[in-house]
Amino acid sequence: MTKMLVGKVTDIDLLGSRTFRVNDTDIALFRLSDGEVLAVENKCPHKGGALSEGMVCGSKVHCPLHDWRIDLHSGAVQEPDTGCVTTFNVEIDPDNGAIYVTI
């Protein structure tokens, strides 16, 4: 596993997202209303919609294509739909707000 510096907390608006690519995988970073930053694969398991373009509600993101709701902590799709996206560990440096994601 590799720990990568991917930006700073201030780069992402509250309830906003940013994306980056590692090899063939697009990863979306989300900043929740409480300031927590979470990372998931930027691809809905249903039809491949870009989750980074979805609306964040609490700790879930709504896929912009068909409104599937994905928990950003676990990657699990909310019932009655099924599926899961890959999640990635995120660390924030408390001294400078740097975001590190473990791939």
PDB file of N, CA and C in Angstrom:
ATOM      1  N   MET A   1       0.844  -1.184   0.000  1.00  0.00           N
ATOM      2  CA  MET A   1       0.000   0.000   0.000  1.00  0.00           C
ATOM      3  C   MET A   1       0.884   1.240   0.000  1.00  0.00           C
ATOM      4  N   THR A   2       0.365   2.276  -0.624  1.00  0.00           N
ATOM      5  CA  THR A   2       1.107   3.522  -0.751  1.00  0.00           C
ATOM      6  C   THR A   2       0.297   4.670  -0.182  1.00  0.00           C
ATOM      7  N   LYS A   3       0.950   5.489   0.625  1.00  0.00           N
ATOM      8  CA  LYS A   3       0.319   6.680   1.197  1.00  0.00           C
ATOM      9  C   LYS A   3       0.698   7.869   0.311  1.00  0.00           C
ATOM     10  N   MET A   4      -0.335   8.547  -0.235  1.00  0.00           N
ATOM     11  CA  MET A   4      -0.091   9.626  -1.190  1.00  0.00           C
ATOM     12  C   MET A   4      -0.621  10.956  -0.675  1.00  0.00           C
ATOM     13  N   LEU A   5       0.151  12.010  -0.853  1.00  0.00           N
ATOM     14  CA  LEU A   5      -0.322  13.362  -0.592  1.00  0.00           C
ATOM     15  C   LEU A   5      -1.184  13.775  -1.779  1.00  0.00           C
ATOM     16  N   VAL A   6      -2.458  14.158  -1.508  1.00  0.00           N
ATOM     17  CA  VAL A   6      -3.371  14.463  -2.618  1.00  0.00           C
ATOM     18  C   VAL A   6      -3.939  15.885  -2.561  1.00  0.00           C
ATOM     19  N   GLY A   7      -3.576  16.665  -1.571  1.00  0.00           N
ATOM     20  CA  GLY A   7      -4.062  18.039  -1.492  1.00  0.00           C
ATOM     21  C   GLY A   7      -4.185  18.488  -0.063  1.00  0.00           C
ATOM     22  N   LYS A   8      -4.925  19.578   0.116  1.00  0.00           N
ATOM     23  CA  LYS A   8      -5.178  20.136   1.451  1.00  0.00           C
ATOM     24  C   LYS A   8      -6.675  20.207   1.689  1.00  0.00           C
ATOM     25  N   VAL A   9      -7.051  20.157   2.946  1.00  0.00           N
ATOM     26  CA  VAL A   9      -8.462  20.222   3.311  1.00  0.00           C
ATOM     27  C   VAL A   9      -9.108  21.473   2.724  1.00  0.00           C
ATOM     28  N   THR A  10      -8.393  22.571   2.710  1.00  0.00           N
ATOM     29  CA  THR A  10      -8.950  23.827   2.207  1.00  0.00           C
ATOM     30  C   THR A  10      -9.202  23.806   0.696  1.00  0.00           C
ATOM     31  N   ASP A  11      -8.701  22.790  -0.004  1.00  0.00           N
ATOM     32  CA  ASP A  11      -8.952  22.646  -1.443  1.00  0.00           C
ATOM     33  C   ASP A  11     -10.373  22.165  -1.736  1.00  0.00           C
ATOM     34  N   ILE A  12     -11.060  21.634  -0.697  1.00  0.00           N
ATOM     35  CA  ILE A  12     -12.385  21.048  -0.893  1.00  0.00           C
ATOM     36  C   ILE A  12     -13.400  21.832  -0.072  1.00  0.00           C
ATOM     37  N   ASP A  13     -14.424  22.376  -0.735  1.00  0.00           N
ATOM     38  CA  ASP A  13     -15.497  23.074  -0.026  1.00  0.00           C
ATOM     39  C   ASP A  13     -16.266  22.092   0.841  1.00  0.00           C
ATOM     40  N   LEU A  14     -16.881  22.596   1.933  1.00  0.00           N
ATOM     41  CA  LEU A  14     -17.777  21.755   2.717  1.00  0.00           C
ATOM     42  C   LEU A  14     -18.855  21.203   1.801  1.00  0.00           C
ATOM     43  N   LEU A  15     -19.155  19.932   1.928  1.00  0.00           N
ATOM     44  CA  LEU A  15     -20.116  19.189   1.103  1.00  0.00           C
ATOM     45  C   LEU A  15     -19.682  19.122  -0.365  1.00  0.00           C
ATOM     46  N   GLY A  16     -18.414  19.388  -0.615  1.00  0.00           N
ATOM     47  CA  GLY A  16     -17.890  19.342  -1.977  1.00  0.00           C
ATOM     48  C   GLY A  16     -17.008  18.126  -2.193  1.00  0.00           C
ATOM     49  N   SER A  17     -16.464  18.045  -3.395  1.00  0.00           N
ATOM     50  CA  SER A  17     -15.607  16.913  -3.744  1.00  0.00           C
ATOM     51  C   SER A  17     -14.482  17.354  -4.664  1.00  0.00           C
ATOM     52  N   ARG A  18     -13.473  16.524  -4.738  1.00  0.00           N
ATOM     53  CA  ARG A  18     -12.358  16.665  -5.671  1.00  0.00           C
ATOM     54  C   ARG A  18     -12.013  15.256  -6.138  1.00  0.00           C
ATOM     55  N   THR A  19     -11.406  15.150  -7.304  1.00  0.00           N
ATOM     56  CA  THR A  19     -11.023  13.836  -7.807  1.00  0.00           C
ATOM     57  C   THR A  19      -9.543  13.806  -8.145  1.00  0.00           C
ATOM     58  N   PHE A  20      -8.989  12.601  -8.136  1.00  0.00           N
ATOM     59  CA  PHE A  20      -7.642  12.372  -8.627  1.00  0.00           C
ATOM     60  C   PHE A  20      -7.596  10.951  -9.168  1.00  0.00           C
ATOM     61  N   ARG A  21      -6.594  10.667  -9.954  1.00  0.00           N
ATOM     62  CA  ARG A  21      -6.496   9.369 -10.632  1.00  0.00           C
ATOM     63  C   ARG A  21      -5.198   8.681 -10.224  1.00  0.00           C
ATOM     64  N   VAL A  22      -5.307   7.392  -9.930  1.00  0.00           N
ATOM     65  CA  VAL A  22      -4.144   6.563  -9.644  1.00  0.00           C
ATOM     66  C   VAL A  22      -4.230   5.355 -10.569  1.00  0.00           C
ATOM     67  N   ASN A  23      -3.257   5.248 -11.456  1.00  0.00           N
ATOM     68  CA  ASN A  23      -3.270   4.207 -12.486  1.00  0.00           C
ATOM     69  C   ASN A  23      -4.592   4.283 -13.252  1.00  0.00           C
ATOM     70  N   ASP A  24      -5.432   3.265 -13.200  1.00  0.00           N
ATOM     71  CA  ASP A  24      -6.699   3.275 -13.939  1.00  0.00           C
ATOM     72  C   ASP A  24      -7.898   3.559 -13.045  1.00  0.00           C
ATOM     73  N   THR A  25      -7.673   4.057 -11.830  1.00  0.00           N
ATOM     74  CA  THR A  25      -8.762   4.261 -10.879  1.00  0.00           C
ATOM     75  C   THR A  25      -8.958   5.737 -10.573  1.00  0.00           C
ATOM     76  N   ASP A  26     -10.197   6.211 -10.773  1.00  0.00           N
ATOM     77  CA  ASP A  26     -10.560   7.567 -10.358  1.00  0.00           C
ATOM     78  C   ASP A  26     -11.032   7.494  -8.914  1.00  0.00           C
ATOM     79  N   ILE A  27     -10.514   8.387  -8.086  1.00  0.00           N
ATOM     80  CA  ILE A  27     -10.864   8.426  -6.668  1.00  0.00           C
ATOM     81  C   ILE A  27     -11.464   9.792  -6.365  1.00  0.00           C
ATOM     82  N   ALA A  28     -12.558   9.780  -5.604  1.00  0.00           N
ATOM     83  CA  ALA A  28     -13.223  11.021  -5.213  1.00  0.00           C
ATOM     84  C   ALA A  28     -13.013  11.259  -3.728  1.00  0.00           C
ATOM     85  N   LEU A  29     -12.630  12.489  -3.389  1.00  0.00           N
ATOM     86  CA  LEU A  29     -12.536  12.940  -2.005  1.00  0.00           C
ATOM     87  C   LEU A  29     -13.770  13.767  -1.706  1.00  0.00           C
ATOM     88  N   PHE A  30     -14.395  13.527  -0.577  1.00  0.00           N
ATOM     89  CA  PHE A  30     -15.566  14.289  -0.153  1.00  0.00           C
ATOM     90  C   PHE A  30     -15.283  14.925   1.199  1.00  0.00           C
ATOM     91  N   ARG A  31     -15.705  16.175   1.372  1.00  0.00           N
ATOM     92  CA  ARG A  31     -15.581  16.856   2.666  1.00  0.00           C
ATOM     93  C   ARG A  31     -16.988  17.033   3.225  1.00  0.00           C
ATOM     94  N   LEU A  32     -17.247  16.347   4.322  1.00  0.00           N
ATOM     95  CA  LEU A  32     -18.565  16.376   4.939  1.00  0.00           C
ATOM     96  C   LEU A  32     -18.786  17.673   5.705  1.00  0.00           C
ATOM     97  N   SER A  33     -20.010  17.914   6.129  1.00  0.00           N
ATOM     98  CA  SER A  33     -20.352  19.166   6.808  1.00  0.00           C
ATOM     99  C   SER A  33     -19.585  19.339   8.112  1.00  0.00           C
ATOM    100  N   ASP A  34     -19.156  18.235   8.744  1.00  0.00           N
ATOM    101  CA  ASP A  34     -18.376  18.335   9.985  1.00  0.00           C
ATOM    102  C   ASP A  34     -16.877  18.470   9.713  1.00  0.00           C
ATOM    103  N   GLY A  35     -16.487  18.544   8.424  1.00  0.00           N
ATOM    104  CA  GLY A  35     -15.093  18.712   8.047  1.00  0.00           C
ATOM    105  C   GLY A  35     -14.356  17.418   7.760  1.00  0.00           C
ATOM    106  N   GLU A  36     -14.961  16.274   8.085  1.00  0.00           N
ATOM    107  CA  GLU A  36     -14.322  14.991   7.819  1.00  0.00           C
ATOM    108  C   GLU A  36     -14.129  14.822   6.308  1.00  0.00           C
ATOM    109  N   VAL A  37     -13.001  14.245   5.922  1.00  0.00           N
ATOM    110  CA  VAL A  37     -12.711  13.983   4.512  1.00  0.00           C
ATOM    111  C   VAL A  37     -12.669  12.472   4.314  1.00  0.00           C
ATOM    112  N   LEU A  38     -13.405  11.991   3.303  1.00  0.00           N
ATOM    113  CA  LEU A  38     -13.486  10.566   2.991  1.00  0.00           C
ATOM    114  C   LEU A  38     -13.173  10.349   1.515  1.00  0.00           C
ATOM    115  N   ALA A  39     -12.675   9.162   1.190  1.00  0.00           N
ATOM    116  CA  ALA A  39     -12.298   8.854  -0.194  1.00  0.00           C
ATOM    117  C   ALA A  39     -12.923   7.533  -0.629  1.00  0.00           C
ATOM    118  N   VAL A  40     -13.500   7.541  -1.836  1.00  0.00           N
ATOM    119  CA  VAL A  40     -14.090   6.342  -2.426  1.00  0.00           C
ATOM    120  C   VAL A  40     -13.758   6.313  -3.915  1.00  0.00           C
ATOM    121  N   GLU A  41     -13.875   5.124  -4.490  1.00  0.00           N
ATOM    122  CA  GLU A  41     -13.740   5.029  -5.938  1.00  0.00           C
ATOM    123  C   GLU A  41     -14.850   5.858  -6.569  1.00  0.00           C
ATOM    124  N   ASN A  42     -14.524   6.632  -7.567  1.00  0.00           N
ATOM    125  CA  ASN A  42     -15.449   7.597  -8.168  1.00  0.00           C
ATOM    126  C   ASN A  42     -16.316   6.937  -9.243  1.00  0.00           C
ATOM    127  N   LYS A  43     -16.981   5.829  -8.872  1.00  0.00           N
ATOM    128  CA  LYS A  43     -17.754   5.081  -9.866  1.00  0.00           C
ATOM    129  C   LYS A  43     -18.877   4.328  -9.162  1.00  0.00           C
ATOM    130  N   CYS A  44     -20.112   4.699  -9.450  1.00  0.00           N
ATOM    131  CA  CYS A  44     -21.261   4.012  -8.879  1.00  0.00           C
ATOM    132  C   CYS A  44     -21.286   2.571  -9.394  1.00  0.00           C
ATOM    133  N   PRO A  45     -21.563   1.590  -8.513  1.00  0.00           N
ATOM    134  CA  PRO A  45     -21.576   0.200  -8.966  1.00  0.00           C
ATOM    135  C   PRO A  45     -22.756  -0.131  -9.880  1.00  0.00           C
ATOM    136  N   HIS A  46     -23.733   0.757  -9.981  1.00  0.00           N
ATOM    137  CA  HIS A  46     -24.918   0.497 -10.806  1.00  0.00           C
ATOM    138  C   HIS A  46     -24.625   0.713 -12.288  1.00  0.00           C
ATOM    139  N   LYS A  47     -24.362   1.948 -12.674  1.00  0.00           N
ATOM    140  CA  LYS A  47     -24.124   2.276 -14.085  1.00  0.00           C
ATOM    141  C   LYS A  47     -22.846   3.086 -14.302  1.00  0.00           C
ATOM    142  N   GLY A  48     -21.999   3.139 -13.271  1.00  0.00           N
ATOM    143  CA  GLY A  48     -20.708   3.804 -13.426  1.00  0.00           C
ATOM    144  C   GLY A  48     -20.736   5.310 -13.325  1.00  0.00           C
ATOM    145  N   GLY A  49     -21.811   5.886 -12.774  1.00  0.00           N
ATOM    146  CA  GLY A  49     -21.897   7.342 -12.631  1.00  0.00           C
ATOM    147  C   GLY A  49     -20.775   7.896 -11.780  1.00  0.00           C
ATOM    148  N   ALA A  50     -20.334   9.106 -12.089  1.00  0.00           N
ATOM    149  CA  ALA A  50     -19.268   9.773 -11.329  1.00  0.00           C
ATOM    150  C   ALA A  50     -19.831  10.263  -9.993  1.00  0.00           C
ATOM    151  N   LEU A  51     -19.469   9.595  -8.920  1.00  0.00           N
ATOM    152  CA  LEU A  51     -19.999   9.955  -7.598  1.00  0.00           C
ATOM    153  C   LEU A  51     -19.602  11.371  -7.195  1.00  0.00           C
ATOM    154  N   SER A  52     -18.471  11.857  -7.682  1.00  0.00           N
ATOM    155  CA  SER A  52     -18.018  13.205  -7.349  1.00  0.00           C
ATOM    156  C   SER A  52     -18.990  14.277  -7.840  1.00  0.00           C
ATOM    157  N   GLU A  53     -19.874  13.916  -8.763  1.00  0.00           N
ATOM    158  CA  GLU A  53     -20.865  14.861  -9.282  1.00  0.00           C
ATOM    159  C   GLU A  53     -22.194  14.763  -8.523  1.00  0.00           C
ATOM    160  N   GLY A  54     -22.266  13.865  -7.529  1.00  0.00           N
ATOM    161  CA  GLY A  54     -23.487  13.663  -6.769  1.00  0.00           C
ATOM    162  C   GLY A  54     -23.614  14.616  -5.596  1.00  0.00           C
ATOM    163  N   MET A  55     -24.798  14.599  -4.988  1.00  0.00           N
ATOM    164  CA  MET A  55     -25.089  15.442  -3.840  1.00  0.00           C
ATOM    165  C   MET A  55     -24.745  14.688  -2.558  1.00  0.00           C
ATOM    166  N   VAL A  56     -24.048  15.377  -1.636  1.00  0.00           N
ATOM    167  CA  VAL A  56     -23.694  14.793  -0.347  1.00  0.00           C
ATOM    168  C   VAL A  56     -24.763  15.159   0.669  1.00  0.00           C
ATOM    169  N   CYS A  57     -25.294  14.141   1.342  1.00  0.00           N
ATOM    170  CA  CYS A  57     -26.271  14.322   2.419  1.00  0.00           C
ATOM    171  C   CYS A  57     -25.785  13.521   3.612  1.00  0.00           C
ATOM    172  N   GLY A  58     -25.411  14.197   4.675  1.00  0.00           N
ATOM    173  CA  GLY A  58     -24.844  13.496   5.824  1.00  0.00           C
ATOM    174  C   GLY A  58     -23.546  12.847   5.418  1.00  0.00           C
ATOM    175  N   SER A  59     -23.461  11.531   5.588  1.00  0.00           N
ATOM    176  CA  SER A  59     -22.250  10.807   5.179  1.00  0.00           C
ATOM    177  C   SER A  59     -22.523   9.920   3.966  1.00  0.00           C
ATOM    178  N   LYS A  60     -23.529  10.296   3.181  1.00  0.00           N
ATOM    179  CA  LYS A  60     -23.858   9.550   1.965  1.00  0.00           C
ATOM    180  C   LYS A  60     -23.757  10.470   0.752  1.00  0.00           C
ATOM    181  N   VAL A  61     -23.454   9.873  -0.391  1.00  0.00           N
ATOM    182  CA  VAL A  61     -23.481  10.607  -1.647  1.00  0.00           C
ATOM    183  C   VAL A  61     -24.546   9.953  -2.525  1.00  0.00           C
ATOM    184  N   HIS A  62     -25.304  10.773  -3.224  1.00  0.00           N
ATOM    185  CA  HIS A  62     -26.345  10.307  -4.133  1.00  0.00           C
ATOM    186  C   HIS A  62     -25.759  10.299  -5.542  1.00  0.00           C
ATOM    187  N   CYS A  63     -25.769   9.128  -6.188  1.00  0.00           N
ATOM    188  CA  CYS A  63     -25.265   9.037  -7.553  1.00  0.00           C
ATOM    189  C   CYS A  63     -26.091   9.967  -8.443  1.00  0.00           C
ATOM    190  N   PRO A  64     -25.437  10.760  -9.289  1.00  0.00           N
ATOM    191  CA  PRO A  64     -26.171  11.703 -10.130  1.00  0.00           C
ATOM    192  C   PRO A  64     -26.988  11.046 -11.250  1.00  0.00           C
ATOM    193  N   LEU A  65     -26.750   9.777 -11.555  1.00  0.00           N
ATOM    194  CA  LEU A  65     -27.483   9.130 -12.639  1.00  0.00           C
ATOM    195  C   LEU A  65     -28.842   8.589 -12.208  1.00  0.00           C
ATOM    196  N   HIS A  66     -28.856   7.801 -11.120  1.00  0.00           N
ATOM    197  CA  HIS A  66     -30.103   7.135 -10.730  1.00  0.00           C
ATOM    198  C   HIS A  66     -30.398   7.246  -9.244  1.00  0.00           C
ATOM    199  N   ASP A  67     -29.735   8.174  -8.554  1.00  0.00           N
ATOM    200  CA  ASP A  67     -29.990   8.485  -7.145  1.00  0.00           C
ATOM    201  C   ASP A  67     -29.690   7.333  -6.192  1.00  0.00           C
ATOM    202  N   TRP A  68     -28.838   6.398  -6.574  1.00  0.00           N
ATOM    203  CA  TRP A  68     -28.408   5.393  -5.606  1.00  0.00           C
ATOM    204  C   TRP A  68     -27.635   6.119  -4.513  1.00  0.00           C
ATOM    205  N   ARG A  69     -27.816   5.700  -3.253  1.00  0.00           N
ATOM    206  CA  ARG A  69     -27.164   6.333  -2.126  1.00  0.00           C
ATOM    207  C   ARG A  69     -26.045   5.424  -1.621  1.00  0.00           C
ATOM    208  N   ILE A  70     -24.832   5.992  -1.554  1.00  0.00           N
ATOM    209  CA  ILE A  70     -23.654   5.231  -1.152  1.00  0.00           C
ATOM    210  C   ILE A  70     -23.106   5.836   0.132  1.00  0.00           C
ATOM    211  N   ASP A  71     -22.912   4.983   1.144  1.00  0.00           N
ATOM    212  CA  ASP A  71     -22.328   5.412   2.415  1.00  0.00           C
ATOM    213  C   ASP A  71     -20.836   5.656   2.194  1.00  0.00           C
ATOM    214  N   LEU A  72     -20.374   6.854   2.496  1.00  0.00           N
ATOM    215  CA  LEU A  72     -18.983   7.209   2.238  1.00  0.00           C
ATOM    216  C   LEU A  72     -18.011   6.580   3.234  1.00  0.00           C
ATOM    217  N   HIS A  73     -18.513   6.132   4.389  1.00  0.00           N
ATOM    218  CA  HIS A  73     -17.639   5.453   5.354  1.00  0.00           C
ATOM    219  C   HIS A  73     -17.377   4.001   4.942  1.00  0.00           C
ATOM    220  N   SER A  74     -18.425   3.294   4.570  1.00  0.00           N
ATOM    221  CA  SER A  74     -18.297   1.857   4.289  1.00  0.00           C
ATOM    222  C   SER A  74     -18.236   1.530   2.800  1.00  0.00           C
ATOM    223  N   GLY A  75     -18.741   2.415   1.952  1.00  0.00           N
ATOM    224  CA  GLY A  75     -18.838   2.148   0.522  1.00  0.00           C
ATOM    225  C   GLY A  75     -20.089   1.379   0.139  1.00  0.00           C
ATOM    226  N   ALA A  76     -20.901   1.002   1.140  1.00  0.00           N
ATOM    227  CA  ALA A  76     -22.095   0.196   0.882  1.00  0.00           C
ATOM    228  C   ALA A  76     -23.216   1.032   0.268  1.00  0.00           C
ATOM    229  N   VAL A  77     -23.915   0.423  -0.679  1.00  0.00           N
ATOM    230  CA  VAL A  77     -25.089   1.036  -1.288  1.00  0.00           C
ATOM    231  C   VAL A  77     -26.267   0.830  -0.342  1.00  0.00           C
ATOM    232  N   GLN A  78     -27.081   1.876  -0.181  1.00  0.00           N
ATOM    233  CA  GLN A  78     -28.234   1.808   0.711  1.00  0.00           C
ATOM    234  C   GLN A  78     -29.352   0.980   0.076  1.00  0.00           C
ATOM    235  N   GLU A  79     -30.010   0.159   0.905  1.00  0.00           N
ATOM    236  CA  GLU A  79     -31.152  -0.654   0.441  1.00  0.00           C
ATOM    237  C   GLU A  79     -32.267   0.246  -0.052  1.00  0.00           C
ATOM    238  N   PRO A  80     -33.063  -0.198  -0.984  1.00  0.00           N
ATOM    239  CA  PRO A  80     -33.202  -1.566  -1.477  1.00  0.00           C
ATOM    240  C   PRO A  80     -32.175  -1.939  -2.548  1.00  0.00           C
ATOM    241  N   ASP A  81     -31.328  -0.992  -2.965  1.00  0.00           N
ATOM    242  CA  ASP A  81     -30.304  -1.296  -3.962  1.00  0.00           C
ATOM    243  C   ASP A  81     -29.158  -2.046  -3.284  1.00  0.00           C
ATOM    244  N   THR A  82     -28.312  -2.682  -4.065  1.00  0.00           N
ATOM    245  CA  THR A  82     -27.198  -3.442  -3.502  1.00  0.00           C
ATOM    246  C   THR A  82     -25.919  -3.138  -4.262  1.00  0.00           C
ATOM    247  N   GLY A  83     -24.820  -3.313  -3.587  1.00  0.00           N
ATOM    248  CA  GLY A  83     -23.517  -3.098  -4.195  1.00  0.00           C
ATOM    249  C   GLY A  83     -22.596  -2.401  -3.223  1.00  0.00           C
ATOM    250  N   CYS A  84     -21.394  -2.136  -3.690  1.00  0.00           N
ATOM    251  CA  CYS A  84     -20.400  -1.508  -2.832  1.00  0.00           C
ATOM    252  C   CYS A  84     -19.336  -0.851  -3.712  1.00  0.00           C
ATOM    253  N   VAL A  85     -18.756   0.228  -3.217  1.00  0.00           N
ATOM    254  CA  VAL A  85     -17.615   0.849  -3.878  1.00  0.00           C
ATOM    255  C   VAL A  85     -16.413   0.733  -2.942  1.00  0.00           C
ATOM    256  N   THR A  86     -15.245   0.791  -3.508  1.00  0.00           N
ATOM    257  CA  THR A  86     -14.016   0.714  -2.728  1.00  0.00           C
ATOM    258  C   THR A  86     -13.818   2.014  -1.959  1.00  0.00           C
ATOM    259  N   THR A  87     -13.456   1.894  -0.686  1.00  0.00           N
ATOM    260  CA  THR A  87     -13.129   3.053   0.131  1.00  0.00           C
ATOM    261  C   THR A  87     -11.617   3.072   0.369  1.00  0.00           C
ATOM    262  N   PHE A  88     -11.095   4.233   0.695  1.00  0.00           N
ATOM    263  CA  PHE A  88      -9.668   4.395   0.930  1.00  0.00           C
ATOM    264  C   PHE A  88      -9.450   5.132   2.244  1.00  0.00           C
ATOM    265  N   ASN A  89      -8.415   4.727   2.967  1.00  0.00           N
ATOM    266  CA  ASN A  89      -8.087   5.373   4.234  1.00  0.00           C
ATOM    267  C   ASN A  89      -7.564   6.784   3.988  1.00  0.00           C
ATOM    268  N   VAL A  90      -8.079   7.743   4.774  1.00  0.00           N
ATOM    269  CA  VAL A  90      -7.679   9.149   4.649  1.00  0.00           C
ATOM    270  C   VAL A  90      -7.084   9.607   5.973  1.00  0.00           C
ATOM    271  N   GLU A  91      -5.962  10.303   5.898  1.00  0.00           N
ATOM    272  CA  GLU A  91      -5.350  10.917   7.080  1.00  0.00           C
ATOM    273  C   GLU A  91      -5.151  12.400   6.795  1.00  0.00           C
ATOM    274  N   ILE A  92      -5.431  13.218   7.797  1.00  0.00           N
ATOM    275  CA  ILE A  92      -5.240  14.664   7.685  1.00  0.00           C
ATOM    276  C   ILE A  92      -4.119  15.074   8.638  1.00  0.00           C
ATOM    277  N   ASP A  93      -3.131  15.785   8.143  1.00  0.00           N
ATOM    278  CA  ASP A  93      -2.067  16.307   8.996  1.00  0.00           C
ATOM    279  C   ASP A  93      -2.641  17.492   9.773  1.00  0.00           C
ATOM    280  N   PRO A  94      -2.720  17.398  11.105  1.00  0.00           N
ATOM    281  CA  PRO A  94      -3.338  18.470  11.891  1.00  0.00           C
ATOM    282  C   PRO A  94      -2.550  19.778  11.856  1.00  0.00           C
ATOM    283  N   ASP A  95      -1.272  19.713  11.498  1.00  0.00           N
ATOM    284  CA  ASP A  95      -0.456  20.925  11.479  1.00  0.00           C
ATOM    285  C   ASP A  95      -0.685  21.780  10.235  1.00  0.00           C
ATOM    286  N   ASN A  96      -0.915  21.136   9.086  1.00  0.00           N
ATOM    287  CA  ASN A  96      -1.023  21.925   7.861  1.00  0.00           C
ATOM    288  C   ASN A  96      -2.234  21.571   7.003  1.00  0.00           C
ATOM    289  N   GLY A  97      -3.079  20.626   7.434  1.00  0.00           N
ATOM    290  CA  GLY A  97      -4.284  20.266   6.689  1.00  0.00           C
ATOM    291  C   GLY A  97      -4.025  19.436   5.453  1.00  0.00           C
ATOM    292  N   ALA A  98      -2.824  18.891   5.306  1.00  0.00           N
ATOM    293  CA  ALA A  98      -2.522  18.047   4.147  1.00  0.00           C
ATOM    294  C   ALA A  98      -3.337  16.756   4.222  1.00  0.00           C
ATOM    295  N   ILE A  99      -3.845  16.332   3.068  1.00  0.00           N
ATOM    296  CA  ILE A  99      -4.651  15.106   2.975  1.00  0.00           C
ATOM    297  C   ILE A  99      -3.781  14.009   2.380  1.00  0.00           C
ATOM    298  N   TYR A 100      -3.724  12.859   3.093  1.00  0.00           N
ATOM    299  CA  TYR A 100      -3.012  11.685   2.618  1.00  0.00           C
ATOM    300  C   TYR A 100      -4.025  10.555   2.434  1.00  0.00           C
ATOM    301  N   VAL A 101      -3.957   9.884   1.294  1.00  0.00           N
ATOM    302  CA  VAL A 101      -4.834   8.748   1.010  1.00  0.00           C
ATOM    303  C   VAL A 101      -3.951   7.520   0.801  1.00  0.00           C
ATOM    304  N   THR A 102      -4.326   6.423   1.460  1.00  0.00           N
ATOM    305  CA  THR A 102      -3.597   5.167   1.303  1.00  0.00           C
ATOM    306  C   THR A 102      -4.259   4.354   0.193  1.00  0.00           C
ATOM    307  N   ILE A 103      -3.476   4.042  -0.819  1.00  0.00           N
ATOM    308  CA  ILE A 103      -3.954   3.301  -1.989  1.00  0.00           C
ATOM    309  C   ILE A 103      -3.448   1.872  -1.909  1.00  0.00           C
TER     310      ILE A 103
END
